[in-house]
Amino acid sequence: MSDGREVAGHAFISYVREDSRAVDRLQRVLEAAGIRVWRDTGNLWPGQDWRSVIRRAITGNALAFIACFSRNSVGRERSYQNEELTLAIEQFRQRQPDDSWLIPVRFDDCDLPDWDIGRGRTLASIQQTDLFGDSYDLGVARLVAAVLHILARRSERAASGGITSGPTTASSEPGPARA
């Protein structure tokens, strides 16, 4: 990333609406670090089939999937975030076991959902980042470093012909949030 090449793709942020303020803060930090973010509030446009657009953003061009959890999200029986997580887990299962892509983030002291992610692992077995209380500064610094590391590794592999970044599917222009 330091050589000036633009990496195709983005970090997809999955969250529930009640956590929008915390996600706004996270998005500002990621973008200040040069990380392109895909989020429903900025990438969906009136008239688009939002389920289809979100599916393409996760399956086609997400170089990292940041799953944000809180008491708000884990307390909900049904949410669009659950759909996003299901897609993300399908994508994660297709990757090499040591390929970091799915990054759990906690906005408060909640338990991560114990979803099966394949190969005998659960979502709770992936190292999480805590973005609350005294852990916030260290957590956000480690998250930024992890995402930059993922992007740099993907960029190196793409440059050597090892991977492709996939089709560009997400717009960087602002748009409304999904319903």
N, C-alpha and C. Protein backbone atom coordinates (compact mmCIF):
# COMPACT_ATOMS: atom_id res chain seq x y z
N MET A 1 0.82 -1.18 0.00
CA MET A 1 0.00 0.00 0.00
C MET A 1 0.87 1.25 0.00
N SER A 2 2.06 1.13 0.52
CA SER A 2 2.93 2.30 0.59
C SER A 2 3.54 2.66 -0.74
N ASP A 3 3.41 1.78 -1.75
CA ASP A 3 3.99 2.09 -3.05
C ASP A 3 3.04 2.90 -3.93
N GLY A 4 1.91 3.29 -3.41
CA GLY A 4 1.00 4.16 -4.14
C GLY A 4 -0.04 3.43 -4.97
N ARG A 5 0.05 2.09 -5.05
CA ARG A 5 -0.94 1.34 -5.81
C ARG A 5 -2.26 1.30 -5.05
N GLU A 6 -3.36 1.47 -5.76
CA GLU A 6 -4.70 1.38 -5.16
C GLU A 6 -5.11 -0.08 -5.15
N VAL A 7 -5.56 -0.57 -4.02
CA VAL A 7 -6.04 -1.94 -3.92
C VAL A 7 -7.53 -1.94 -4.19
N ALA A 8 -7.94 -2.76 -5.16
CA ALA A 8 -9.37 -2.89 -5.42
C ALA A 8 -10.00 -3.61 -4.25
N GLY A 9 -11.21 -3.27 -3.94
CA GLY A 9 -11.90 -3.93 -2.85
C GLY A 9 -12.09 -2.99 -1.67
N HIS A 10 -12.62 -3.55 -0.60
CA HIS A 10 -13.01 -2.74 0.53
C HIS A 10 -13.11 -3.61 1.78
N ALA A 11 -13.26 -2.95 2.91
CA ALA A 11 -13.62 -3.61 4.16
C ALA A 11 -15.13 -3.43 4.32
N PHE A 12 -15.85 -4.52 4.39
CA PHE A 12 -17.30 -4.49 4.56
C PHE A 12 -17.60 -4.45 6.05
N ILE A 13 -18.44 -3.50 6.48
CA ILE A 13 -18.83 -3.41 7.89
C ILE A 13 -20.26 -3.89 8.05
N SER A 14 -20.44 -4.90 8.87
CA SER A 14 -21.75 -5.47 9.17
C SER A 14 -22.12 -5.09 10.60
N TYR A 15 -23.34 -4.59 10.78
CA TYR A 15 -23.76 -4.09 12.09
C TYR A 15 -25.27 -3.98 12.13
N VAL A 16 -25.81 -3.70 13.31
CA VAL A 16 -27.23 -3.39 13.44
C VAL A 16 -27.37 -1.88 13.58
N ARG A 17 -28.48 -1.38 13.14
CA ARG A 17 -28.76 0.06 13.09
C ARG A 17 -28.54 0.76 14.44
N GLU A 18 -28.86 0.08 15.54
CA GLU A 18 -28.70 0.69 16.85
C GLU A 18 -27.24 1.03 17.18
N ASP A 19 -26.31 0.42 16.47
CA ASP A 19 -24.88 0.68 16.69
C ASP A 19 -24.29 1.67 15.69
N SER A 20 -25.14 2.41 15.00
CA SER A 20 -24.67 3.33 13.94
C SER A 20 -23.63 4.33 14.42
N ARG A 21 -23.80 4.87 15.61
CA ARG A 21 -22.82 5.87 16.10
C ARG A 21 -21.44 5.26 16.28
N ALA A 22 -21.39 4.07 16.85
CA ALA A 22 -20.10 3.39 17.03
C ALA A 22 -19.50 3.03 15.67
N VAL A 23 -20.34 2.65 14.72
CA VAL A 23 -19.86 2.31 13.38
C VAL A 23 -19.39 3.57 12.64
N ASP A 24 -20.08 4.69 12.84
CA ASP A 24 -19.62 5.96 12.25
C ASP A 24 -18.19 6.25 12.70
N ARG A 25 -17.95 6.10 13.99
CA ARG A 25 -16.61 6.36 14.55
C ARG A 25 -15.59 5.39 13.95
N LEU A 26 -15.94 4.11 13.89
CA LEU A 26 -15.05 3.10 13.31
C LEU A 26 -14.76 3.41 11.84
N GLN A 27 -15.77 3.77 11.10
CA GLN A 27 -15.58 4.09 9.68
C GLN A 27 -14.62 5.25 9.51
N ARG A 28 -14.77 6.31 10.31
CA ARG A 28 -13.86 7.46 10.22
C ARG A 28 -12.41 7.04 10.47
N VAL A 29 -12.19 6.18 11.45
CA VAL A 29 -10.84 5.72 11.76
C VAL A 29 -10.27 4.90 10.60
N LEU A 30 -11.06 3.98 10.07
CA LEU A 30 -10.59 3.14 8.96
C LEU A 30 -10.27 3.99 7.73
N GLU A 31 -11.16 4.90 7.39
CA GLU A 31 -10.93 5.74 6.20
C GLU A 31 -9.74 6.67 6.40
N ALA A 32 -9.53 7.16 7.62
CA ALA A 32 -8.36 8.01 7.89
C ALA A 32 -7.06 7.22 7.70
N ALA A 33 -7.13 5.90 7.87
CA ALA A 33 -5.97 5.04 7.66
C ALA A 33 -5.83 4.62 6.20
N GLY A 34 -6.71 5.11 5.33
CA GLY A 34 -6.64 4.78 3.91
C GLY A 34 -7.37 3.51 3.53
N ILE A 35 -8.22 3.02 4.40
CA ILE A 35 -8.97 1.79 4.14
C ILE A 35 -10.33 2.16 3.56
N ARG A 36 -10.61 1.65 2.39
CA ARG A 36 -11.91 1.87 1.75
C ARG A 36 -12.96 1.03 2.46
N VAL A 37 -14.06 1.65 2.84
CA VAL A 37 -15.11 0.99 3.62
C VAL A 37 -16.36 0.85 2.77
N TRP A 38 -17.00 -0.31 2.86
CA TRP A 38 -18.32 -0.50 2.25
C TRP A 38 -19.31 -0.58 3.40
N ARG A 39 -20.31 0.29 3.32
CA ARG A 39 -21.34 0.35 4.35
C ARG A 39 -22.66 0.71 3.70
N ASP A 40 -23.73 0.15 4.19
CA ASP A 40 -25.03 0.37 3.58
C ASP A 40 -25.39 1.84 3.45
N THR A 41 -25.05 2.66 4.44
CA THR A 41 -25.45 4.06 4.42
C THR A 41 -24.76 4.86 3.32
N GLY A 42 -23.64 4.40 2.82
CA GLY A 42 -22.92 5.14 1.80
C GLY A 42 -22.90 4.48 0.44
N ASN A 43 -23.33 3.24 0.34
CA ASN A 43 -23.16 2.51 -0.90
C ASN A 43 -24.43 1.99 -1.54
N LEU A 44 -25.56 2.21 -0.91
CA LEU A 44 -26.83 1.81 -1.50
C LEU A 44 -27.55 3.03 -2.05
N TRP A 45 -28.17 2.86 -3.22
CA TRP A 45 -28.84 3.97 -3.89
C TRP A 45 -30.33 3.68 -4.04
N PRO A 46 -31.15 4.73 -4.10
CA PRO A 46 -32.60 4.52 -4.29
C PRO A 46 -32.86 3.66 -5.53
N GLY A 47 -33.76 2.72 -5.36
CA GLY A 47 -34.15 1.86 -6.48
C GLY A 47 -33.31 0.61 -6.62
N GLN A 48 -32.21 0.50 -5.89
CA GLN A 48 -31.39 -0.70 -5.99
C GLN A 48 -32.01 -1.84 -5.19
N ASP A 49 -31.77 -3.05 -5.64
CA ASP A 49 -32.14 -4.25 -4.89
C ASP A 49 -31.05 -4.42 -3.82
N TRP A 50 -31.31 -3.92 -2.61
CA TRP A 50 -30.27 -3.85 -1.60
C TRP A 50 -29.73 -5.22 -1.21
N ARG A 51 -30.56 -6.25 -1.23
CA ARG A 51 -30.05 -7.58 -0.89
C ARG A 51 -29.01 -8.04 -1.92
N SER A 52 -29.31 -7.80 -3.18
CA SER A 52 -28.39 -8.18 -4.25
C SER A 52 -27.08 -7.38 -4.18
N VAL A 53 -27.19 -6.08 -3.93
CA VAL A 53 -26.01 -5.22 -3.85
C VAL A 53 -25.13 -5.64 -2.66
N ILE A 54 -25.76 -5.90 -1.53
CA ILE A 54 -25.00 -6.33 -0.36
C ILE A 54 -24.34 -7.68 -0.60
N ARG A 55 -25.06 -8.59 -1.24
CA ARG A 55 -24.47 -9.90 -1.56
C ARG A 55 -23.22 -9.73 -2.42
N ARG A 56 -23.29 -8.91 -3.45
CA ARG A 56 -22.13 -8.68 -4.32
C ARG A 56 -20.99 -8.01 -3.55
N ALA A 57 -21.33 -7.08 -2.66
CA ALA A 57 -20.30 -6.39 -1.88
C ALA A 57 -19.56 -7.36 -0.96
N ILE A 58 -20.25 -8.37 -0.46
CA ILE A 58 -19.61 -9.35 0.42
C ILE A 58 -18.88 -10.41 -0.39
N THR A 59 -19.52 -10.95 -1.41
CA THR A 59 -18.96 -12.10 -2.13
C THR A 59 -17.99 -11.71 -3.23
N GLY A 60 -18.11 -10.50 -3.76
CA GLY A 60 -17.29 -10.15 -4.91
C GLY A 60 -16.09 -9.30 -4.65
N ASN A 61 -16.12 -8.46 -3.63
CA ASN A 61 -15.05 -7.49 -3.53
C ASN A 61 -14.62 -7.14 -2.11
N ALA A 62 -15.15 -7.84 -1.11
CA ALA A 62 -14.75 -7.55 0.27
C ALA A 62 -13.41 -8.20 0.56
N LEU A 63 -12.41 -7.39 0.86
CA LEU A 63 -11.10 -7.91 1.22
C LEU A 63 -11.02 -8.19 2.72
N ALA A 64 -11.95 -7.64 3.47
CA ALA A 64 -12.10 -7.94 4.89
C ALA A 64 -13.58 -7.75 5.24
N PHE A 65 -14.07 -8.58 6.14
CA PHE A 65 -15.45 -8.49 6.60
C PHE A 65 -15.39 -8.22 8.09
N ILE A 66 -15.82 -7.03 8.50
CA ILE A 66 -15.79 -6.62 9.90
C ILE A 66 -17.20 -6.78 10.47
N ALA A 67 -17.34 -7.76 11.35
CA ALA A 67 -18.64 -8.07 11.95
C ALA A 67 -18.70 -7.42 13.33
N CYS A 68 -19.57 -6.42 13.47
CA CYS A 68 -19.66 -5.64 14.70
C CYS A 68 -20.76 -6.20 15.60
N PHE A 69 -20.40 -6.48 16.84
CA PHE A 69 -21.35 -7.06 17.79
C PHE A 69 -21.48 -6.17 19.02
N SER A 70 -22.65 -6.24 19.62
CA SER A 70 -22.95 -5.53 20.86
C SER A 70 -24.16 -6.22 21.49
N ARG A 71 -24.55 -5.75 22.64
CA ARG A 71 -25.77 -6.27 23.23
C ARG A 71 -26.96 -6.01 22.30
N ASN A 72 -26.88 -4.91 21.54
CA ASN A 72 -27.95 -4.61 20.58
C ASN A 72 -28.09 -5.69 19.53
N SER A 73 -26.96 -6.17 19.01
CA SER A 73 -27.03 -7.15 17.93
C SER A 73 -27.27 -8.56 18.42
N VAL A 74 -26.59 -8.97 19.49
CA VAL A 74 -26.77 -10.35 19.96
C VAL A 74 -28.12 -10.55 20.64
N GLY A 75 -28.76 -9.46 21.06
CA GLY A 75 -30.07 -9.56 21.68
C GLY A 75 -31.22 -9.67 20.70
N ARG A 76 -30.94 -9.48 19.42
CA ARG A 76 -31.99 -9.54 18.41
C ARG A 76 -32.10 -10.95 17.84
N GLU A 77 -33.33 -11.43 17.79
CA GLU A 77 -33.56 -12.76 17.23
C GLU A 77 -33.42 -12.73 15.71
N ARG A 78 -33.87 -11.64 15.08
CA ARG A 78 -33.82 -11.50 13.63
C ARG A 78 -33.17 -10.18 13.28
N SER A 79 -32.30 -10.21 12.25
CA SER A 79 -31.69 -8.96 11.79
C SER A 79 -31.09 -9.19 10.40
N TYR A 80 -30.92 -8.10 9.67
CA TYR A 80 -30.24 -8.19 8.38
C TYR A 80 -28.78 -8.56 8.58
N GLN A 81 -28.23 -8.20 9.73
CA GLN A 81 -26.85 -8.59 10.01
C GLN A 81 -26.70 -10.11 9.98
N ASN A 82 -27.71 -10.83 10.46
CA ASN A 82 -27.63 -12.29 10.41
C ASN A 82 -27.51 -12.80 8.98
N GLU A 83 -28.22 -12.17 8.05
CA GLU A 83 -28.09 -12.54 6.63
C GLU A 83 -26.68 -12.27 6.13
N GLU A 84 -26.14 -11.10 6.49
CA GLU A 84 -24.78 -10.75 6.08
C GLU A 84 -23.76 -11.73 6.65
N LEU A 85 -23.94 -12.10 7.92
CA LEU A 85 -23.02 -13.06 8.55
C LEU A 85 -23.10 -14.43 7.89
N THR A 86 -24.29 -14.84 7.51
CA THR A 86 -24.44 -16.13 6.82
C THR A 86 -23.65 -16.12 5.51
N LEU A 87 -23.77 -15.04 4.75
CA LEU A 87 -22.99 -14.92 3.50
C LEU A 87 -21.49 -14.89 3.79
N ALA A 88 -21.11 -14.14 4.81
CA ALA A 88 -19.69 -14.02 5.15
C ALA A 88 -19.11 -15.37 5.57
N ILE A 89 -19.87 -16.13 6.33
CA ILE A 89 -19.39 -17.44 6.76
C ILE A 89 -19.24 -18.38 5.57
N GLU A 90 -20.16 -18.31 4.60
CA GLU A 90 -20.02 -19.10 3.37
C GLU A 90 -18.72 -18.74 2.66
N GLN A 91 -18.42 -17.44 2.57
CA GLN A 91 -17.18 -17.00 1.92
C GLN A 91 -15.97 -17.44 2.73
N PHE A 92 -16.04 -17.31 4.03
CA PHE A 92 -14.94 -17.67 4.92
C PHE A 92 -14.60 -19.15 4.80
N ARG A 93 -15.62 -20.00 4.66
CA ARG A 93 -15.40 -21.44 4.56
C ARG A 93 -14.63 -21.81 3.28
N GLN A 94 -14.70 -20.99 2.26
CA GLN A 94 -14.01 -21.26 1.00
C GLN A 94 -12.54 -20.85 1.04
N ARG A 95 -12.13 -20.17 2.07
CA ARG A 95 -10.78 -19.65 2.18
C ARG A 95 -9.87 -20.63 2.90
N GLN A 96 -8.57 -20.43 2.75
CA GLN A 96 -7.59 -21.23 3.47
C GLN A 96 -7.77 -21.00 4.98
N PRO A 97 -7.49 -22.00 5.80
CA PRO A 97 -7.70 -21.86 7.25
C PRO A 97 -6.93 -20.68 7.88
N ASP A 98 -5.79 -20.33 7.34
CA ASP A 98 -5.00 -19.24 7.93
C ASP A 98 -5.24 -17.89 7.24
N ASP A 99 -6.25 -17.83 6.39
CA ASP A 99 -6.55 -16.61 5.65
C ASP A 99 -7.48 -15.71 6.46
N SER A 100 -6.91 -14.68 7.09
CA SER A 100 -7.73 -13.74 7.87
C SER A 100 -8.62 -12.96 6.93
N TRP A 101 -9.88 -12.90 7.24
CA TRP A 101 -10.85 -12.15 6.43
C TRP A 101 -12.02 -11.70 7.29
N LEU A 102 -12.53 -12.58 8.13
CA LEU A 102 -13.66 -12.31 8.99
C LEU A 102 -13.13 -11.82 10.34
N ILE A 103 -13.46 -10.58 10.69
CA ILE A 103 -12.93 -9.97 11.91
C ILE A 103 -14.08 -9.56 12.83
N PRO A 104 -14.25 -10.27 13.95
CA PRO A 104 -15.28 -9.88 14.91
C PRO A 104 -14.83 -8.68 15.75
N VAL A 105 -15.73 -7.72 15.92
CA VAL A 105 -15.49 -6.53 16.72
C VAL A 105 -16.61 -6.43 17.76
N ARG A 106 -16.24 -6.12 19.00
CA ARG A 106 -17.26 -5.93 20.03
C ARG A 106 -17.30 -4.46 20.44
N PHE A 107 -18.51 -3.91 20.50
CA PHE A 107 -18.71 -2.53 20.95
C PHE A 107 -19.03 -2.46 22.44
N ASP A 108 -19.27 -3.60 23.07
CA ASP A 108 -19.48 -3.66 24.51
C ASP A 108 -19.16 -5.08 24.96
N ASP A 109 -19.33 -5.36 26.22
CA ASP A 109 -18.92 -6.65 26.80
C ASP A 109 -19.97 -7.74 26.55
N CYS A 110 -20.30 -7.97 25.29
CA CYS A 110 -21.27 -8.99 24.92
C CYS A 110 -20.55 -10.29 24.56
N ASP A 111 -21.29 -11.37 24.56
CA ASP A 111 -20.75 -12.65 24.08
C ASP A 111 -20.96 -12.73 22.58
N LEU A 112 -19.93 -13.18 21.86
CA LEU A 112 -20.09 -13.38 20.42
C LEU A 112 -21.01 -14.56 20.17
N PRO A 113 -21.81 -14.50 19.11
CA PRO A 113 -22.65 -15.66 18.77
C PRO A 113 -21.75 -16.87 18.50
N ASP A 114 -22.20 -18.02 18.90
CA ASP A 114 -21.41 -19.24 18.77
C ASP A 114 -21.76 -19.98 17.48
N TRP A 115 -21.76 -19.26 16.37
CA TRP A 115 -22.12 -19.85 15.08
C TRP A 115 -21.01 -20.75 14.55
N ASP A 116 -21.40 -21.84 13.91
CA ASP A 116 -20.46 -22.74 13.27
C ASP A 116 -19.92 -22.07 12.01
N ILE A 117 -18.58 -22.01 11.90
CA ILE A 117 -17.97 -21.41 10.71
C ILE A 117 -17.17 -22.43 9.90
N GLY A 118 -17.30 -23.70 10.25
CA GLY A 118 -16.64 -24.76 9.50
C GLY A 118 -15.32 -25.19 10.11
N ARG A 119 -14.88 -26.40 9.71
CA ARG A 119 -13.62 -26.98 10.16
C ARG A 119 -13.53 -27.08 11.68
N GLY A 120 -14.68 -27.32 12.32
CA GLY A 120 -14.70 -27.47 13.76
C GLY A 120 -14.55 -26.18 14.54
N ARG A 121 -14.70 -25.05 13.87
CA ARG A 121 -14.54 -23.76 14.52
C ARG A 121 -15.89 -23.06 14.65
N THR A 122 -15.94 -22.11 15.59
CA THR A 122 -17.11 -21.27 15.73
C THR A 122 -16.68 -19.81 15.60
N LEU A 123 -17.65 -18.95 15.41
CA LEU A 123 -17.36 -17.52 15.32
C LEU A 123 -16.62 -17.04 16.56
N ALA A 124 -16.99 -17.57 17.71
CA ALA A 124 -16.34 -17.17 18.96
C ALA A 124 -14.88 -17.62 19.04
N SER A 125 -14.45 -18.52 18.16
CA SER A 125 -13.05 -18.98 18.19
C SER A 125 -12.11 -18.05 17.41
N ILE A 126 -12.66 -17.09 16.69
CA ILE A 126 -11.84 -16.13 15.95
C ILE A 126 -11.48 -14.99 16.90
N GLN A 127 -10.23 -14.59 16.89
CA GLN A 127 -9.79 -13.50 17.77
C GLN A 127 -10.59 -12.24 17.48
N GLN A 128 -11.19 -11.70 18.51
CA GLN A 128 -12.02 -10.50 18.39
C GLN A 128 -11.21 -9.26 18.74
N THR A 129 -11.77 -8.12 18.38
CA THR A 129 -11.22 -6.83 18.76
C THR A 129 -12.28 -6.11 19.60
N ASP A 130 -11.87 -5.60 20.76
CA ASP A 130 -12.78 -4.87 21.63
C ASP A 130 -12.63 -3.37 21.41
N LEU A 131 -13.74 -2.72 21.05
CA LEU A 131 -13.73 -1.28 20.83
C LEU A 131 -14.65 -0.61 21.84
N PHE A 132 -14.30 -0.74 23.11
CA PHE A 132 -15.07 -0.10 24.17
C PHE A 132 -14.17 0.06 25.40
N GLY A 133 -14.54 1.02 26.24
CA GLY A 133 -13.82 1.25 27.49
C GLY A 133 -12.33 1.50 27.29
N ASP A 134 -11.54 1.03 28.23
CA ASP A 134 -10.09 1.22 28.18
C ASP A 134 -9.44 0.46 27.03
N SER A 135 -10.14 -0.48 26.44
CA SER A 135 -9.60 -1.28 25.34
C SER A 135 -9.72 -0.60 23.98
N TYR A 136 -10.45 0.51 23.89
CA TYR A 136 -10.75 1.11 22.59
C TYR A 136 -9.50 1.48 21.81
N ASP A 137 -8.61 2.28 22.38
CA ASP A 137 -7.46 2.77 21.61
C ASP A 137 -6.58 1.63 21.10
N LEU A 138 -6.24 0.69 21.97
CA LEU A 138 -5.44 -0.44 21.53
C LEU A 138 -6.21 -1.30 20.53
N GLY A 139 -7.49 -1.51 20.79
CA GLY A 139 -8.30 -2.33 19.90
C GLY A 139 -8.42 -1.75 18.51
N VAL A 140 -8.67 -0.45 18.41
CA VAL A 140 -8.82 0.17 17.09
C VAL A 140 -7.48 0.20 16.35
N ALA A 141 -6.38 0.41 17.08
CA ALA A 141 -5.06 0.39 16.44
C ALA A 141 -4.75 -1.00 15.90
N ARG A 142 -5.07 -2.02 16.67
CA ARG A 142 -4.83 -3.40 16.21
C ARG A 142 -5.75 -3.76 15.05
N LEU A 143 -6.99 -3.29 15.07
CA LEU A 143 -7.91 -3.54 13.96
C LEU A 143 -7.40 -2.90 12.68
N VAL A 144 -7.01 -1.64 12.74
CA VAL A 144 -6.48 -0.96 11.56
C VAL A 144 -5.25 -1.70 11.04
N ALA A 145 -4.35 -2.07 11.94
CA ALA A 145 -3.14 -2.79 11.52
C ALA A 145 -3.50 -4.12 10.86
N ALA A 146 -4.48 -4.83 11.43
CA ALA A 146 -4.89 -6.13 10.85
C ALA A 146 -5.48 -5.95 9.46
N VAL A 147 -6.36 -4.96 9.29
CA VAL A 147 -6.99 -4.75 7.98
C VAL A 147 -5.93 -4.30 6.97
N LEU A 148 -5.03 -3.41 7.36
CA LEU A 148 -3.96 -2.98 6.45
C LEU A 148 -3.08 -4.16 6.07
N HIS A 149 -2.82 -5.06 7.02
CA HIS A 149 -2.03 -6.25 6.73
C HIS A 149 -2.75 -7.14 5.71
N ILE A 150 -4.05 -7.34 5.90
CA ILE A 150 -4.84 -8.13 4.96
C ILE A 150 -4.80 -7.50 3.57
N LEU A 151 -5.01 -6.18 3.50
CA LEU A 151 -5.01 -5.49 2.21
C LEU A 151 -3.64 -5.56 1.55
N ALA A 152 -2.58 -5.39 2.33
CA ALA A 152 -1.23 -5.46 1.76
C ALA A 152 -0.93 -6.85 1.23
N ARG A 153 -1.31 -7.86 1.99
CA ARG A 153 -1.08 -9.25 1.55
C ARG A 153 -1.86 -9.55 0.28
N ARG A 154 -3.12 -9.08 0.21
CA ARG A 154 -3.91 -9.31 -1.00
C ARG A 154 -3.31 -8.55 -2.19
N SER A 155 -2.83 -7.35 -1.94
CA SER A 155 -2.22 -6.55 -3.00
C SER A 155 -0.96 -7.24 -3.54
N GLU A 156 -0.15 -7.77 -2.63
CA GLU A 156 1.06 -8.49 -3.04
C GLU A 156 0.71 -9.73 -3.84
N ARG A 157 -0.29 -10.48 -3.40
CA ARG A 157 -0.69 -11.69 -4.12
C ARG A 157 -1.28 -11.34 -5.48
N ALA A 158 -2.04 -10.25 -5.55
CA ALA A 158 -2.62 -9.83 -6.82
C ALA A 158 -1.51 -9.40 -7.78
N ALA A 159 -0.52 -8.69 -7.27
CA ALA A 159 0.59 -8.22 -8.12
C ALA A 159 1.41 -9.39 -8.65
N SER A 160 1.50 -10.46 -7.86
CA SER A 160 2.28 -11.62 -8.30
C SER A 160 1.43 -12.60 -9.10
N GLY A 161 0.15 -12.27 -9.31
CA GLY A 161 -0.72 -13.15 -10.08
C GLY A 161 -1.37 -14.22 -9.23
N GLY A 162 -1.20 -14.17 -7.90
CA GLY A 162 -1.74 -15.18 -7.01
C GLY A 162 -3.24 -15.08 -6.80
N ILE A 163 -3.79 -13.88 -6.83
CA ILE A 163 -5.22 -13.70 -6.68
C ILE A 163 -5.68 -12.56 -7.54
N THR A 164 -6.96 -12.50 -7.73
CA THR A 164 -7.54 -11.33 -8.35
C THR A 164 -8.46 -10.69 -7.35
N SER A 165 -8.70 -9.43 -7.51
CA SER A 165 -9.54 -8.74 -6.54
C SER A 165 -11.02 -8.88 -6.85
N GLY A 166 -11.36 -9.46 -7.97
CA GLY A 166 -12.77 -9.64 -8.32
C GLY A 166 -13.33 -8.39 -8.96
N PRO A 167 -14.55 -8.47 -9.43
CA PRO A 167 -15.16 -7.34 -10.12
C PRO A 167 -15.44 -6.20 -9.15
N THR A 168 -15.36 -5.00 -9.62
CA THR A 168 -15.72 -3.86 -8.80
C THR A 168 -17.23 -3.78 -8.76
N THR A 169 -17.78 -3.87 -7.53
CA THR A 169 -19.24 -3.92 -7.40
C THR A 169 -19.78 -2.82 -6.52
N ALA A 170 -18.95 -2.18 -5.77
CA ALA A 170 -19.44 -1.19 -4.81
C ALA A 170 -19.07 0.22 -5.26
N SER A 171 -20.01 1.09 -5.16
CA SER A 171 -19.79 2.49 -5.45
C SER A 171 -19.25 3.18 -4.23
N SER A 172 -18.41 4.19 -4.40
CA SER A 172 -17.92 4.93 -3.26
C SER A 172 -18.72 6.21 -3.06
N GLU A 173 -19.76 6.41 -3.85
CA GLU A 173 -20.57 7.60 -3.71
C GLU A 173 -21.61 7.40 -2.62
N PRO A 174 -21.97 8.49 -1.92
CA PRO A 174 -22.94 8.35 -0.84
C PRO A 174 -24.33 8.01 -1.34
N GLY A 175 -25.06 7.34 -0.50
CA GLY A 175 -26.43 6.99 -0.81
C GLY A 175 -27.18 6.72 0.48
N PRO A 176 -28.44 6.39 0.40
CA PRO A 176 -29.25 6.19 1.59
C PRO A 176 -29.03 4.82 2.21
N ALA A 177 -29.44 4.65 3.45
CA ALA A 177 -29.35 3.38 4.13
C ALA A 177 -30.48 2.47 3.67
N ARG A 178 -30.30 1.17 3.87
CA ARG A 178 -31.36 0.22 3.53
C ARG A 178 -32.47 0.33 4.55
N ALA A 179 -33.61 -0.16 4.18
CA ALA A 179 -34.79 -0.09 5.06
C ALA A 179 -34.69 -1.06 6.19
